[in-house]
Amino acid sequence: MTDYKAPDGTQLGHINLRVSDIERSIAFYRDLLGFHLMGQYPGQAAFLSSSGYYHHFALSQAEPGATLARGLGLDHIAINYPTRRDLAEVTQRLLDAGWPIKGTVDYLTHDCVYTSDPDGIGLELAWDRDRADWPWSDGVIAWGSRPLPLDELLAELDPAPATT
């Protein structure tokens, strides 16, 4: 039973979040993080995606008075962006909107920005380095971390110097 390995190419399909205010959550995931609204049952559920996939996020309207449980359960959701510049761009969008950034970290395998959605669900917005650039030791990742200065990440948005 322990010799089973998920096939290469297996990916996270979608996440279903129960939210306190579906319209507010649609606005966050669509307008700030840039996901496309693929469809919805107004006031009940919404489906958002990047790249035309049927949905990466399903948002379901919670019953009135529901609260986010603390302790066991979901800690955060990681959203990986294809380039470091894309991560910088979404970070700048959050800052421009006055959205709180809880922290930034360079994990040597990926850079990440921590925030949360409108219901306090933790989000790790990330960009993965090429696997060839990960720190390896004896065939396993040599885990580690270092500070990721926000201004260093946002420098990705500076226009490229003109060449003559």
N, C-alpha and C. Protein backbone atom coordinates (compact mmCIF):
# COMPACT_ATOMS: atom_id res chain seq x y z
N MET A 1 0.82 -1.20 0.00
CA MET A 1 0.00 0.00 0.00
C MET A 1 0.86 1.26 0.00
N THR A 2 2.04 1.25 0.60
CA THR A 2 2.86 2.46 0.68
C THR A 2 3.66 2.71 -0.58
N ASP A 3 3.64 1.81 -1.57
CA ASP A 3 4.44 2.01 -2.77
C ASP A 3 3.70 2.81 -3.85
N TYR A 4 2.47 3.20 -3.58
CA TYR A 4 1.74 4.01 -4.57
C TYR A 4 2.31 5.42 -4.61
N LYS A 5 2.47 5.95 -5.83
CA LYS A 5 2.93 7.32 -6.04
C LYS A 5 1.96 7.97 -7.01
N ALA A 6 1.49 9.15 -6.66
CA ALA A 6 0.62 9.88 -7.59
C ALA A 6 1.38 10.09 -8.89
N PRO A 7 0.72 9.92 -10.03
CA PRO A 7 1.41 10.06 -11.32
C PRO A 7 1.97 11.46 -11.52
N ASP A 8 3.12 11.55 -12.20
CA ASP A 8 3.65 12.85 -12.57
C ASP A 8 2.58 13.61 -13.34
N GLY A 9 2.50 14.88 -13.11
CA GLY A 9 1.48 15.70 -13.76
C GLY A 9 0.22 15.85 -12.93
N THR A 10 0.10 15.09 -11.82
CA THR A 10 -1.04 15.26 -10.93
C THR A 10 -0.96 16.66 -10.32
N GLN A 11 -2.06 17.39 -10.35
CA GLN A 11 -2.09 18.76 -9.85
C GLN A 11 -3.31 18.97 -8.99
N LEU A 12 -3.27 20.02 -8.20
CA LEU A 12 -4.45 20.42 -7.45
C LEU A 12 -5.52 20.82 -8.45
N GLY A 13 -6.72 20.28 -8.33
CA GLY A 13 -7.79 20.59 -9.26
C GLY A 13 -8.50 21.88 -8.89
N HIS A 14 -9.20 21.87 -7.77
CA HIS A 14 -9.85 23.10 -7.30
C HIS A 14 -10.02 23.05 -5.80
N ILE A 15 -10.30 24.21 -5.26
CA ILE A 15 -10.55 24.37 -3.83
C ILE A 15 -11.94 24.95 -3.68
N ASN A 16 -12.71 24.40 -2.77
CA ASN A 16 -14.04 24.92 -2.50
C ASN A 16 -14.00 25.61 -1.14
N LEU A 17 -14.25 26.92 -1.15
CA LEU A 17 -14.23 27.71 0.08
C LEU A 17 -15.64 28.14 0.44
N ARG A 18 -16.00 27.96 1.70
CA ARG A 18 -17.27 28.48 2.21
C ARG A 18 -16.96 29.86 2.76
N VAL A 19 -17.62 30.89 2.21
CA VAL A 19 -17.29 32.28 2.52
C VAL A 19 -18.48 32.99 3.16
N SER A 20 -18.18 34.06 3.89
CA SER A 20 -19.24 34.79 4.59
C SER A 20 -19.98 35.76 3.70
N ASP A 21 -19.35 36.28 2.67
CA ASP A 21 -19.97 37.26 1.77
C ASP A 21 -19.49 36.95 0.36
N ILE A 22 -20.29 36.24 -0.40
CA ILE A 22 -19.85 35.73 -1.69
C ILE A 22 -19.46 36.85 -2.66
N GLU A 23 -20.19 37.96 -2.68
CA GLU A 23 -19.85 39.05 -3.59
C GLU A 23 -18.51 39.68 -3.24
N ARG A 24 -18.25 39.83 -1.94
CA ARG A 24 -16.96 40.38 -1.50
C ARG A 24 -15.83 39.43 -1.89
N SER A 25 -16.05 38.13 -1.74
CA SER A 25 -15.02 37.15 -2.09
C SER A 25 -14.81 37.08 -3.60
N ILE A 26 -15.86 37.17 -4.38
CA ILE A 26 -15.70 37.22 -5.84
C ILE A 26 -14.84 38.43 -6.20
N ALA A 27 -15.14 39.58 -5.63
CA ALA A 27 -14.37 40.79 -5.93
C ALA A 27 -12.90 40.60 -5.56
N PHE A 28 -12.60 39.98 -4.43
CA PHE A 28 -11.22 39.76 -4.01
C PHE A 28 -10.49 38.85 -5.01
N TYR A 29 -11.04 37.67 -5.25
CA TYR A 29 -10.35 36.71 -6.11
C TYR A 29 -10.32 37.17 -7.57
N ARG A 30 -11.33 37.88 -8.02
CA ARG A 30 -11.37 38.37 -9.40
C ARG A 30 -10.57 39.66 -9.55
N ASP A 31 -10.90 40.67 -8.76
CA ASP A 31 -10.35 42.01 -8.98
C ASP A 31 -8.94 42.19 -8.44
N LEU A 32 -8.61 41.54 -7.33
CA LEU A 32 -7.27 41.70 -6.77
C LEU A 32 -6.32 40.60 -7.22
N LEU A 33 -6.75 39.34 -7.20
CA LEU A 33 -5.85 38.25 -7.58
C LEU A 33 -5.93 37.91 -9.06
N GLY A 34 -6.92 38.43 -9.78
CA GLY A 34 -6.96 38.30 -11.23
C GLY A 34 -7.56 37.02 -11.78
N PHE A 35 -8.30 36.26 -10.99
CA PHE A 35 -8.95 35.07 -11.51
C PHE A 35 -10.20 35.46 -12.28
N HIS A 36 -10.56 34.65 -13.27
CA HIS A 36 -11.73 34.94 -14.11
C HIS A 36 -12.98 34.28 -13.53
N LEU A 37 -14.07 35.02 -13.49
CA LEU A 37 -15.34 34.46 -13.06
C LEU A 37 -15.88 33.61 -14.21
N MET A 38 -15.96 32.30 -14.00
CA MET A 38 -16.39 31.36 -15.04
C MET A 38 -17.89 31.11 -15.01
N GLY A 39 -18.53 31.38 -13.88
CA GLY A 39 -19.96 31.17 -13.76
C GLY A 39 -20.36 31.28 -12.31
N GLN A 40 -21.67 31.39 -12.08
CA GLN A 40 -22.11 31.48 -10.70
C GLN A 40 -23.59 31.18 -10.59
N TYR A 41 -23.99 30.81 -9.39
CA TYR A 41 -25.37 30.75 -8.97
C TYR A 41 -25.51 31.95 -8.05
N PRO A 42 -26.09 33.05 -8.53
CA PRO A 42 -26.09 34.30 -7.75
C PRO A 42 -26.52 34.10 -6.30
N GLY A 43 -25.68 34.65 -5.39
CA GLY A 43 -25.95 34.57 -3.97
C GLY A 43 -25.66 33.23 -3.33
N GLN A 44 -25.29 32.22 -4.15
CA GLN A 44 -25.07 30.88 -3.62
C GLN A 44 -23.66 30.34 -3.86
N ALA A 45 -23.19 30.45 -5.10
CA ALA A 45 -21.90 29.86 -5.45
C ALA A 45 -21.31 30.60 -6.64
N ALA A 46 -19.98 30.57 -6.72
CA ALA A 46 -19.27 31.17 -7.85
C ALA A 46 -18.06 30.30 -8.17
N PHE A 47 -17.63 30.35 -9.42
CA PHE A 47 -16.54 29.50 -9.90
C PHE A 47 -15.54 30.38 -10.63
N LEU A 48 -14.29 30.40 -10.14
CA LEU A 48 -13.26 31.27 -10.69
C LEU A 48 -12.07 30.44 -11.15
N SER A 49 -11.39 30.94 -12.19
CA SER A 49 -10.30 30.19 -12.79
C SER A 49 -9.25 31.11 -13.37
N SER A 50 -8.08 30.53 -13.61
CA SER A 50 -7.10 31.16 -14.49
C SER A 50 -6.99 30.25 -15.70
N SER A 51 -6.59 30.80 -16.80
CA SER A 51 -6.31 30.04 -18.03
C SER A 51 -7.47 29.20 -18.55
N GLY A 52 -8.70 29.57 -18.25
CA GLY A 52 -9.85 28.90 -18.85
C GLY A 52 -10.23 27.55 -18.28
N TYR A 53 -9.53 27.07 -17.26
CA TYR A 53 -9.92 25.82 -16.61
C TYR A 53 -11.30 26.03 -16.00
N TYR A 54 -12.11 25.00 -15.89
CA TYR A 54 -13.49 25.22 -15.48
C TYR A 54 -13.60 25.90 -14.13
N HIS A 55 -12.74 25.59 -13.16
CA HIS A 55 -12.59 26.42 -11.97
C HIS A 55 -11.45 25.93 -11.10
N HIS A 56 -10.75 26.89 -10.51
CA HIS A 56 -9.73 26.60 -9.51
C HIS A 56 -10.29 26.88 -8.11
N PHE A 57 -11.19 27.86 -8.03
CA PHE A 57 -11.86 28.19 -6.78
C PHE A 57 -13.35 28.07 -6.96
N ALA A 58 -13.98 27.32 -6.07
CA ALA A 58 -15.43 27.34 -5.95
C ALA A 58 -15.71 28.07 -4.64
N LEU A 59 -16.53 29.08 -4.70
CA LEU A 59 -16.92 29.84 -3.51
C LEU A 59 -18.37 29.52 -3.21
N SER A 60 -18.64 29.13 -1.99
CA SER A 60 -20.01 28.81 -1.57
C SER A 60 -20.40 29.75 -0.43
N GLN A 61 -21.59 30.30 -0.51
CA GLN A 61 -22.09 31.20 0.53
C GLN A 61 -22.38 30.40 1.80
N ALA A 62 -21.75 30.80 2.91
CA ALA A 62 -21.98 30.15 4.20
C ALA A 62 -23.29 30.64 4.80
N GLU A 63 -23.77 29.89 5.77
CA GLU A 63 -24.95 30.30 6.53
C GLU A 63 -24.62 31.56 7.33
N PRO A 64 -25.58 32.43 7.56
CA PRO A 64 -25.32 33.63 8.37
C PRO A 64 -24.74 33.26 9.74
N GLY A 65 -23.74 34.02 10.17
CA GLY A 65 -23.14 33.80 11.48
C GLY A 65 -22.03 32.78 11.52
N ALA A 66 -21.72 32.12 10.39
CA ALA A 66 -20.64 31.15 10.37
C ALA A 66 -19.31 31.85 10.61
N THR A 67 -18.39 31.20 11.31
CA THR A 67 -17.07 31.78 11.57
C THR A 67 -15.98 30.80 11.15
N LEU A 68 -14.79 31.33 10.93
CA LEU A 68 -13.63 30.53 10.56
C LEU A 68 -13.10 29.84 11.81
N ALA A 69 -13.04 28.52 11.79
CA ALA A 69 -12.53 27.75 12.93
C ALA A 69 -11.02 27.92 13.02
N ARG A 70 -10.51 27.96 14.22
CA ARG A 70 -9.07 28.05 14.46
C ARG A 70 -8.60 26.71 15.02
N GLY A 71 -7.33 26.42 14.80
CA GLY A 71 -6.77 25.18 15.31
C GLY A 71 -6.53 24.22 14.17
N LEU A 72 -7.16 23.05 14.20
CA LEU A 72 -6.99 22.06 13.16
C LEU A 72 -7.69 22.49 11.88
N GLY A 73 -7.18 22.01 10.76
CA GLY A 73 -7.83 22.29 9.48
C GLY A 73 -6.94 23.09 8.55
N LEU A 74 -7.53 23.74 7.62
CA LEU A 74 -6.82 24.48 6.59
C LEU A 74 -5.97 25.59 7.20
N ASP A 75 -4.68 25.60 6.87
CA ASP A 75 -3.80 26.67 7.31
C ASP A 75 -3.73 27.75 6.24
N HIS A 76 -3.43 27.33 5.01
CA HIS A 76 -3.42 28.30 3.91
C HIS A 76 -3.53 27.57 2.59
N ILE A 77 -3.77 28.34 1.56
CA ILE A 77 -3.82 27.86 0.18
C ILE A 77 -2.68 28.54 -0.54
N ALA A 78 -1.91 27.78 -1.30
CA ALA A 78 -0.83 28.36 -2.11
C ALA A 78 -1.33 28.54 -3.54
N ILE A 79 -1.10 29.72 -4.06
CA ILE A 79 -1.41 30.02 -5.46
C ILE A 79 -0.08 30.33 -6.13
N ASN A 80 0.30 29.51 -7.11
CA ASN A 80 1.58 29.70 -7.79
C ASN A 80 1.39 30.48 -9.08
N TYR A 81 2.20 31.53 -9.23
CA TYR A 81 2.19 32.37 -10.43
C TYR A 81 3.33 31.93 -11.35
N PRO A 82 3.15 32.06 -12.67
CA PRO A 82 4.14 31.51 -13.59
C PRO A 82 5.49 32.23 -13.59
N THR A 83 5.53 33.53 -13.26
CA THR A 83 6.80 34.25 -13.24
C THR A 83 6.91 35.06 -11.95
N ARG A 84 8.15 35.41 -11.62
CA ARG A 84 8.38 36.25 -10.43
C ARG A 84 7.73 37.62 -10.63
N ARG A 85 7.75 38.10 -11.85
CA ARG A 85 7.12 39.39 -12.15
C ARG A 85 5.61 39.30 -11.89
N ASP A 86 4.99 38.18 -12.23
CA ASP A 86 3.56 38.01 -11.96
C ASP A 86 3.28 38.06 -10.46
N LEU A 87 4.17 37.45 -9.67
CA LEU A 87 4.02 37.51 -8.21
C LEU A 87 4.16 38.95 -7.73
N ALA A 88 5.12 39.68 -8.28
CA ALA A 88 5.30 41.08 -7.92
C ALA A 88 4.07 41.90 -8.31
N GLU A 89 3.51 41.62 -9.46
CA GLU A 89 2.35 42.38 -9.92
C GLU A 89 1.13 42.17 -9.01
N VAL A 90 0.86 40.93 -8.64
CA VAL A 90 -0.30 40.69 -7.77
C VAL A 90 -0.05 41.28 -6.39
N THR A 91 1.20 41.25 -5.93
CA THR A 91 1.54 41.86 -4.64
C THR A 91 1.30 43.37 -4.69
N GLN A 92 1.72 44.01 -5.77
CA GLN A 92 1.51 45.45 -5.92
C GLN A 92 0.02 45.78 -5.96
N ARG A 93 -0.77 44.93 -6.63
CA ARG A 93 -2.22 45.14 -6.68
C ARG A 93 -2.81 45.12 -5.27
N LEU A 94 -2.37 44.17 -4.46
CA LEU A 94 -2.86 44.08 -3.08
C LEU A 94 -2.47 45.33 -2.30
N LEU A 95 -1.22 45.75 -2.42
CA LEU A 95 -0.76 46.94 -1.71
C LEU A 95 -1.53 48.18 -2.16
N ASP A 96 -1.74 48.31 -3.46
CA ASP A 96 -2.48 49.46 -3.98
C ASP A 96 -3.91 49.51 -3.45
N ALA A 97 -4.47 48.33 -3.17
CA ALA A 97 -5.83 48.25 -2.64
C ALA A 97 -5.86 48.39 -1.12
N GLY A 98 -4.68 48.54 -0.49
CA GLY A 98 -4.62 48.65 0.96
C GLY A 98 -4.79 47.30 1.66
N TRP A 99 -4.59 46.20 0.92
CA TRP A 99 -4.76 44.87 1.48
C TRP A 99 -3.53 44.51 2.30
N PRO A 100 -3.69 43.94 3.49
CA PRO A 100 -2.52 43.65 4.34
C PRO A 100 -1.67 42.49 3.82
N ILE A 101 -0.36 42.72 3.81
CA ILE A 101 0.62 41.68 3.52
C ILE A 101 1.16 41.24 4.87
N LYS A 102 1.07 39.95 5.16
CA LYS A 102 1.48 39.45 6.48
C LYS A 102 2.96 39.09 6.53
N GLY A 103 3.57 38.87 5.38
CA GLY A 103 4.98 38.53 5.37
C GLY A 103 5.43 38.08 4.00
N THR A 104 6.75 38.04 3.82
CA THR A 104 7.35 37.56 2.58
C THR A 104 8.53 36.67 2.97
N VAL A 105 8.74 35.61 2.21
CA VAL A 105 9.83 34.67 2.49
C VAL A 105 10.39 34.14 1.17
N ASP A 106 11.71 33.98 1.12
CA ASP A 106 12.39 33.25 0.05
C ASP A 106 12.73 31.89 0.64
N TYR A 107 12.05 30.84 0.17
CA TYR A 107 12.27 29.49 0.69
C TYR A 107 13.34 28.72 -0.08
N LEU A 108 14.09 29.42 -0.93
CA LEU A 108 15.16 28.86 -1.74
C LEU A 108 14.62 28.05 -2.92
N THR A 109 13.44 27.49 -2.79
CA THR A 109 12.77 26.82 -3.90
C THR A 109 11.71 27.73 -4.53
N HIS A 110 11.22 28.66 -3.72
CA HIS A 110 10.18 29.57 -4.20
C HIS A 110 10.14 30.82 -3.32
N ASP A 111 9.67 31.90 -3.94
CA ASP A 111 9.41 33.15 -3.21
C ASP A 111 7.93 33.18 -2.88
N CYS A 112 7.59 33.72 -1.72
CA CYS A 112 6.17 33.79 -1.39
C CYS A 112 5.82 35.05 -0.62
N VAL A 113 4.56 35.42 -0.77
CA VAL A 113 3.95 36.56 -0.09
C VAL A 113 2.75 36.00 0.65
N TYR A 114 2.68 36.26 1.95
CA TYR A 114 1.55 35.78 2.76
C TYR A 114 0.53 36.88 2.97
N THR A 115 -0.73 36.53 2.78
CA THR A 115 -1.86 37.43 3.03
C THR A 115 -3.04 36.54 3.42
N SER A 116 -4.22 37.08 3.40
CA SER A 116 -5.42 36.27 3.61
C SER A 116 -6.55 36.85 2.79
N ASP A 117 -7.57 36.03 2.58
CA ASP A 117 -8.72 36.50 1.83
C ASP A 117 -9.67 37.25 2.77
N PRO A 118 -10.82 37.74 2.27
CA PRO A 118 -11.71 38.52 3.13
C PRO A 118 -12.24 37.79 4.36
N ASP A 119 -12.23 36.45 4.35
CA ASP A 119 -12.70 35.69 5.50
C ASP A 119 -11.57 35.22 6.40
N GLY A 120 -10.35 35.68 6.14
CA GLY A 120 -9.21 35.31 6.97
C GLY A 120 -8.56 34.00 6.58
N ILE A 121 -8.93 33.42 5.45
CA ILE A 121 -8.31 32.19 4.98
C ILE A 121 -6.92 32.54 4.47
N GLY A 122 -5.90 31.89 5.01
CA GLY A 122 -4.52 32.20 4.66
C GLY A 122 -4.21 31.87 3.21
N LEU A 123 -3.48 32.79 2.58
CA LEU A 123 -3.04 32.60 1.20
C LEU A 123 -1.53 32.76 1.14
N GLU A 124 -0.88 31.86 0.45
CA GLU A 124 0.54 31.98 0.12
C GLU A 124 0.60 32.18 -1.39
N LEU A 125 0.93 33.39 -1.80
CA LEU A 125 1.08 33.70 -3.21
C LEU A 125 2.54 33.44 -3.55
N ALA A 126 2.80 32.60 -4.55
CA ALA A 126 4.15 32.11 -4.73
C ALA A 126 4.59 32.07 -6.19
N TRP A 127 5.91 32.04 -6.36
CA TRP A 127 6.55 31.78 -7.65
C TRP A 127 7.64 30.76 -7.40
N ASP A 128 7.61 29.64 -8.13
CA ASP A 128 8.61 28.58 -7.99
C ASP A 128 9.80 28.82 -8.90
N ARG A 129 11.00 28.69 -8.33
CA ARG A 129 12.21 28.69 -9.14
C ARG A 129 12.24 27.42 -9.98
N ASP A 130 13.02 27.42 -11.01
CA ASP A 130 13.24 26.22 -11.79
C ASP A 130 13.85 25.16 -10.88
N ARG A 131 13.41 23.94 -11.01
CA ARG A 131 13.90 22.86 -10.13
C ARG A 131 15.42 22.72 -10.17
N ALA A 132 16.03 23.02 -11.30
CA ALA A 132 17.49 22.95 -11.40
C ALA A 132 18.17 23.94 -10.47
N ASP A 133 17.45 24.99 -10.07
CA ASP A 133 18.01 26.02 -9.19
C ASP A 133 17.70 25.78 -7.71
N TRP A 134 16.97 24.72 -7.39
CA TRP A 134 16.68 24.40 -6.00
C TRP A 134 17.94 23.87 -5.33
N PRO A 135 18.08 24.10 -4.03
CA PRO A 135 19.25 23.56 -3.32
C PRO A 135 19.04 22.06 -3.04
N TRP A 136 19.92 21.24 -3.55
CA TRP A 136 19.82 19.79 -3.39
C TRP A 136 20.99 19.27 -2.57
N SER A 137 20.74 18.24 -1.79
CA SER A 137 21.79 17.57 -1.03
C SER A 137 21.44 16.09 -0.97
N ASP A 138 22.28 15.26 -1.53
CA ASP A 138 22.06 13.81 -1.53
C ASP A 138 20.68 13.43 -2.07
N GLY A 139 20.25 14.11 -3.12
CA GLY A 139 19.00 13.76 -3.80
C GLY A 139 17.73 14.29 -3.17
N VAL A 140 17.84 15.07 -2.10
CA VAL A 140 16.65 15.68 -1.49
C VAL A 140 16.86 17.19 -1.41
N ILE A 141 15.77 17.90 -1.30
CA ILE A 141 15.86 19.35 -1.21
C ILE A 141 16.48 19.73 0.13
N ALA A 142 17.46 20.62 0.07
CA ALA A 142 18.09 21.15 1.29
C ALA A 142 17.25 22.35 1.73
N TRP A 143 16.20 22.07 2.50
CA TRP A 143 15.22 23.09 2.89
C TRP A 143 15.88 24.23 3.64
N GLY A 144 15.38 25.41 3.41
CA GLY A 144 15.88 26.57 4.11
C GLY A 144 15.04 27.78 3.73
N SER A 145 15.36 28.88 4.34
CA SER A 145 14.65 30.12 4.01
C SER A 145 15.54 31.30 4.32
N ARG A 146 15.19 32.41 3.74
CA ARG A 146 15.88 33.67 4.00
C ARG A 146 14.87 34.78 3.77
N PRO A 147 15.16 35.96 4.29
CA PRO A 147 14.22 37.07 4.09
C PRO A 147 14.05 37.40 2.59
N LEU A 148 12.86 37.80 2.25
CA LEU A 148 12.56 38.31 0.91
C LEU A 148 12.09 39.75 1.08
N PRO A 149 13.00 40.71 0.91
CA PRO A 149 12.57 42.11 1.05
C PRO A 149 11.50 42.45 0.00
N LEU A 150 10.43 43.05 0.48
CA LEU A 150 9.32 43.40 -0.40
C LEU A 150 9.79 44.30 -1.55
N ASP A 151 10.67 45.26 -1.26
CA ASP A 151 11.13 46.15 -2.32
C ASP A 151 11.93 45.40 -3.38
N GLU A 152 12.63 44.34 -2.98
CA GLU A 152 13.37 43.52 -3.95
C GLU A 152 12.39 42.81 -4.90
N LEU A 153 11.33 42.26 -4.33
CA LEU A 153 10.32 41.61 -5.18
C LEU A 153 9.66 42.62 -6.11
N LEU A 154 9.27 43.77 -5.56
CA LEU A 154 8.56 44.77 -6.36
C LEU A 154 9.46 45.40 -7.42
N ALA A 155 10.78 45.28 -7.27
CA ALA A 155 11.71 45.78 -8.30
C ALA A 155 11.51 45.04 -9.62
N GLU A 156 10.89 43.86 -9.57
CA GLU A 156 10.56 43.13 -10.80
C GLU A 156 9.67 43.96 -11.72
N LEU A 157 8.95 44.92 -11.15
CA LEU A 157 8.01 45.73 -11.93
C LEU A 157 8.68 46.91 -12.61
N ASP A 158 9.94 47.20 -12.23
CA ASP A 158 10.65 48.30 -12.87
C ASP A 158 10.83 48.00 -14.34
N PRO A 159 10.64 49.03 -15.18
CA PRO A 159 10.82 48.78 -16.61
C PRO A 159 12.27 48.40 -16.90
N ALA A 160 12.44 47.57 -17.90
CA ALA A 160 13.79 47.16 -18.29
C ALA A 160 14.56 48.36 -18.81
N PRO A 161 15.84 48.44 -18.50
CA PRO A 161 16.62 49.57 -19.00
C PRO A 161 16.66 49.55 -20.54
N ALA A 162 16.61 50.74 -21.11
CA ALA A 162 16.63 50.85 -22.57
C ALA A 162 17.99 50.45 -23.09
N THR A 163 17.98 49.71 -24.17
CA THR A 163 19.25 49.33 -24.81
C THR A 163 19.44 50.17 -26.05
N THR A 164 20.67 50.55 -26.29
CA THR A 164 20.94 51.38 -27.47
C THR A 164 21.84 50.68 -28.43
